[in-house]
């Protein structure tokens, strides 16, 4: 397997924020995201997968089921499946990596036609 450079200190986050890099193997998905100060993901629940979050630069306000914690560069957390979560960039913005087991692809299903 070929390795890929994940983090380059010289690359500045885009103003809008979001995914900057991603890769997948047969079993794992990895994504690097960056957000400007105050940016981030809205509250959501991942009912299928635990997710590891590793802060690479800046700080991240991580809220899990209403409990807030701050993660700084070099710190990590495991976000359990089924937990309400919000990830918000701190005062200097944030760049973080997430890793989780790969999700199954979308499978089309037949919808019976009304008779």
C-alpha atoms as a PDB file:
ATOM      1  CA  UNK A   1       0.000   0.000   0.000  1.00  0.00           C
ATOM      2  CA  UNK A   2       1.304   3.448  -0.897  1.00  0.00           C
ATOM      3  CA  UNK A   3       1.449   5.999   1.919  1.00  0.00           C
ATOM      4  CA  UNK A   4       0.002   9.469   1.486  1.00  0.00           C
ATOM      5  CA  UNK A   5       1.051  12.686   3.146  1.00  0.00           C
ATOM      6  CA  UNK A   6      -1.770  13.682   5.461  1.00  0.00           C
ATOM      7  CA  UNK A   7      -0.695  16.954   6.963  1.00  0.00           C
ATOM      8  CA  UNK A   8       1.372  19.745   5.490  1.00  0.00           C
ATOM      9  CA  UNK A   9       1.974  22.719   7.797  1.00  0.00           C
ATOM     10  CA  UNK A  10       2.407  25.030   4.818  1.00  0.00           C
ATOM     11  CA  UNK A  11      -1.152  24.481   3.567  1.00  0.00           C
ATOM     12  CA  UNK A  12      -3.602  26.994   5.023  1.00  0.00           C
ATOM     13  CA  UNK A  13      -7.213  25.958   5.635  1.00  0.00           C
ATOM     14  CA  UNK A  14      -9.739  27.247   3.127  1.00  0.00           C
ATOM     15  CA  UNK A  15     -12.015  30.008   4.394  1.00  0.00           C
ATOM     16  CA  UNK A  16     -15.158  27.894   4.100  1.00  0.00           C
ATOM     17  CA  UNK A  17     -13.859  24.833   5.973  1.00  0.00           C
ATOM     18  CA  UNK A  18     -14.535  21.152   5.544  1.00  0.00           C
ATOM     19  CA  UNK A  19     -12.675  18.112   4.205  1.00  0.00           C
ATOM     20  CA  UNK A  20      -9.151  18.698   2.853  1.00  0.00           C
ATOM     21  CA  UNK A  21      -7.978  15.117   2.344  1.00  0.00           C
ATOM     22  CA  UNK A  22      -9.404  11.637   2.490  1.00  0.00           C
ATOM     23  CA  UNK A  23      -8.369   8.042   1.935  1.00  0.00           C
ATOM     24  CA  UNK A  24      -9.872   4.612   2.403  1.00  0.00           C
ATOM     25  CA  UNK A  25      -8.731   1.028   2.643  1.00  0.00           C
ATOM     26  CA  UNK A  26     -10.869  -2.093   2.629  1.00  0.00           C
ATOM     27  CA  UNK A  27     -11.611  -1.524   6.328  1.00  0.00           C
ATOM     28  CA  UNK A  28     -10.971   2.148   7.228  1.00  0.00           C
ATOM     29  CA  UNK A  29     -11.909   5.670   6.175  1.00  0.00           C
ATOM     30  CA  UNK A  30      -9.642   8.591   7.120  1.00  0.00           C
ATOM     31  CA  UNK A  31     -10.393  12.263   6.552  1.00  0.00           C
ATOM     32  CA  UNK A  32      -8.583  15.499   7.404  1.00  0.00           C
ATOM     33  CA  UNK A  33     -10.890  18.477   7.960  1.00  0.00           C
ATOM     34  CA  UNK A  34     -10.109  22.131   8.670  1.00  0.00           C
ATOM     35  CA  UNK A  35     -12.428  24.874   9.897  1.00  0.00           C
ATOM     36  CA  UNK A  36     -11.913  28.594  10.514  1.00  0.00           C
ATOM     37  CA  UNK A  37     -12.657  29.942  14.025  1.00  0.00           C
ATOM     38  CA  UNK A  38     -16.230  29.081  15.039  1.00  0.00           C
ATOM     39  CA  UNK A  39     -16.777  26.812  12.030  1.00  0.00           C
ATOM     40  CA  UNK A  40     -17.534  23.126  12.220  1.00  0.00           C
ATOM     41  CA  UNK A  41     -20.109  20.416  11.869  1.00  0.00           C
ATOM     42  CA  UNK A  42     -23.680  20.845  13.069  1.00  0.00           C
ATOM     43  CA  UNK A  43     -25.044  18.496  15.703  1.00  0.00           C
ATOM     44  CA  UNK A  44     -25.481  14.995  14.345  1.00  0.00           C
ATOM     45  CA  UNK A  45     -25.461  11.334  15.363  1.00  0.00           C
ATOM     46  CA  UNK A  46     -23.487   8.548  13.734  1.00  0.00           C
ATOM     47  CA  UNK A  47     -25.475   5.491  14.737  1.00  0.00           C
ATOM     48  CA  UNK A  48     -23.176   3.031  12.945  1.00  0.00           C
ATOM     49  CA  UNK A  49     -19.542   3.759  13.822  1.00  0.00           C
ATOM     50  CA  UNK A  50     -17.257   4.889  16.623  1.00  0.00           C
ATOM     51  CA  UNK A  51     -14.990   7.675  15.327  1.00  0.00           C
ATOM     52  CA  UNK A  52     -11.457   8.610  16.424  1.00  0.00           C
ATOM     53  CA  UNK A  53     -10.773  12.370  16.282  1.00  0.00           C
ATOM     54  CA  UNK A  54      -7.165  13.621  16.425  1.00  0.00           C
ATOM     55  CA  UNK A  55      -6.467  17.372  16.506  1.00  0.00           C
ATOM     56  CA  UNK A  56      -3.479  18.239  14.318  1.00  0.00           C
ATOM     57  CA  UNK A  57      -3.488  22.044  14.673  1.00  0.00           C
ATOM     58  CA  UNK A  58      -5.514  24.609  16.614  1.00  0.00           C
ATOM     59  CA  UNK A  59      -8.261  23.550  19.011  1.00  0.00           C
ATOM     60  CA  UNK A  60     -11.636  21.863  18.811  1.00  0.00           C
ATOM     61  CA  UNK A  61     -14.688  22.236  21.026  1.00  0.00           C
ATOM     62  CA  UNK A  62     -16.174  18.744  21.086  1.00  0.00           C
ATOM     63  CA  UNK A  63     -19.678  18.400  22.516  1.00  0.00           C
ATOM     64  CA  UNK A  64     -20.927  14.873  23.186  1.00  0.00           C
ATOM     65  CA  UNK A  65     -24.524  14.507  24.377  1.00  0.00           C
ATOM     66  CA  UNK A  66     -24.335  18.058  25.762  1.00  0.00           C
ATOM     67  CA  UNK A  67     -20.990  17.625  27.596  1.00  0.00           C
ATOM     68  CA  UNK A  68     -18.312  19.982  26.240  1.00  0.00           C
ATOM     69  CA  UNK A  69     -14.562  19.376  26.146  1.00  0.00           C
ATOM     70  CA  UNK A  70     -11.675  21.129  24.403  1.00  0.00           C
ATOM     71  CA  UNK A  71      -9.121  19.180  22.393  1.00  0.00           C
ATOM     72  CA  UNK A  72      -5.832  20.834  21.403  1.00  0.00           C
ATOM     73  CA  UNK A  73      -3.168  19.886  18.870  1.00  0.00           C
ATOM     74  CA  UNK A  74      -1.839  16.436  19.727  1.00  0.00           C
ATOM     75  CA  UNK A  75      -4.940  15.388  21.663  1.00  0.00           C
ATOM     76  CA  UNK A  76      -7.475  12.777  20.609  1.00  0.00           C
ATOM     77  CA  UNK A  77     -10.891  11.420  21.549  1.00  0.00           C
ATOM     78  CA  UNK A  78     -13.020   8.444  20.641  1.00  0.00           C
ATOM     79  CA  UNK A  79     -16.591   9.464  19.824  1.00  0.00           C
ATOM     80  CA  UNK A  80     -18.875   6.491  20.477  1.00  0.00           C
ATOM     81  CA  UNK A  81     -21.564   5.571  17.967  1.00  0.00           C
ATOM     82  CA  UNK A  82     -25.055   6.736  18.871  1.00  0.00           C
ATOM     83  CA  UNK A  83     -23.850   9.881  20.684  1.00  0.00           C
ATOM     84  CA  UNK A  84     -25.061  13.363  19.667  1.00  0.00           C
ATOM     85  CA  UNK A  85     -21.979  15.337  18.645  1.00  0.00           C
ATOM     86  CA  UNK A  86     -20.978  18.811  17.588  1.00  0.00           C
ATOM     87  CA  UNK A  87     -17.435  19.769  16.519  1.00  0.00           C
ATOM     88  CA  UNK A  88     -16.603  23.496  16.550  1.00  0.00           C
ATOM     89  CA  UNK A  89     -13.255  25.150  15.778  1.00  0.00           C
ATOM     90  CA  UNK A  90     -11.627  27.154  18.562  1.00  0.00           C
ATOM     91  CA  UNK A  91     -10.354  30.757  18.380  1.00  0.00           C
ATOM     92  CA  UNK A  92      -7.456  29.894  16.023  1.00  0.00           C
ATOM     93  CA  UNK A  93      -9.401  27.455  13.856  1.00  0.00           C
ATOM     94  CA  UNK A  94      -8.728  23.729  13.738  1.00  0.00           C
ATOM     95  CA  UNK A  95      -7.348  20.975  11.533  1.00  0.00           C
ATOM     96  CA  UNK A  96      -8.211  17.450  12.648  1.00  0.00           C
ATOM     97  CA  UNK A  97      -8.254  13.893  11.362  1.00  0.00           C
ATOM     98  CA  UNK A  98     -11.079  11.409  11.761  1.00  0.00           C
ATOM     99  CA  UNK A  99     -10.750   7.657  11.353  1.00  0.00           C
ATOM    100  CA  UNK A 100     -13.512   5.066  11.455  1.00  0.00           C
ATOM    101  CA  UNK A 101     -14.425   1.667  10.086  1.00  0.00           C
ATOM    102  CA  UNK A 102     -15.522   1.925   6.501  1.00  0.00           C
ATOM    103  CA  UNK A 103     -19.245   2.196   5.939  1.00  0.00           C
ATOM    104  CA  UNK A 104     -20.967  -0.101   3.505  1.00  0.00           C
ATOM    105  CA  UNK A 105     -21.880   1.471   0.185  1.00  0.00           C
ATOM    106  CA  UNK A 106     -25.417   2.442  -0.582  1.00  0.00           C
ATOM    107  CA  UNK A 107     -27.365  -0.506  -1.864  1.00  0.00           C
ATOM    108  CA  UNK A 108     -30.306   0.133  -4.161  1.00  0.00           C
ATOM    109  CA  UNK A 109     -33.479  -1.578  -3.089  1.00  0.00           C
ATOM    110  CA  UNK A 110     -36.554  -2.400  -5.080  1.00  0.00           C
ATOM    111  CA  UNK A 111     -39.621  -0.394  -4.296  1.00  0.00           C
ATOM    112  CA  UNK A 112     -42.791  -2.311  -5.073  1.00  0.00           C
ATOM    113  CA  UNK A 113     -45.013  -0.617  -7.612  1.00  0.00           C
ATOM    114  CA  UNK A 114     -48.535   0.171  -6.451  1.00  0.00           C
ATOM    115  CA  UNK A 115     -51.146  -2.012  -8.100  1.00  0.00           C
END
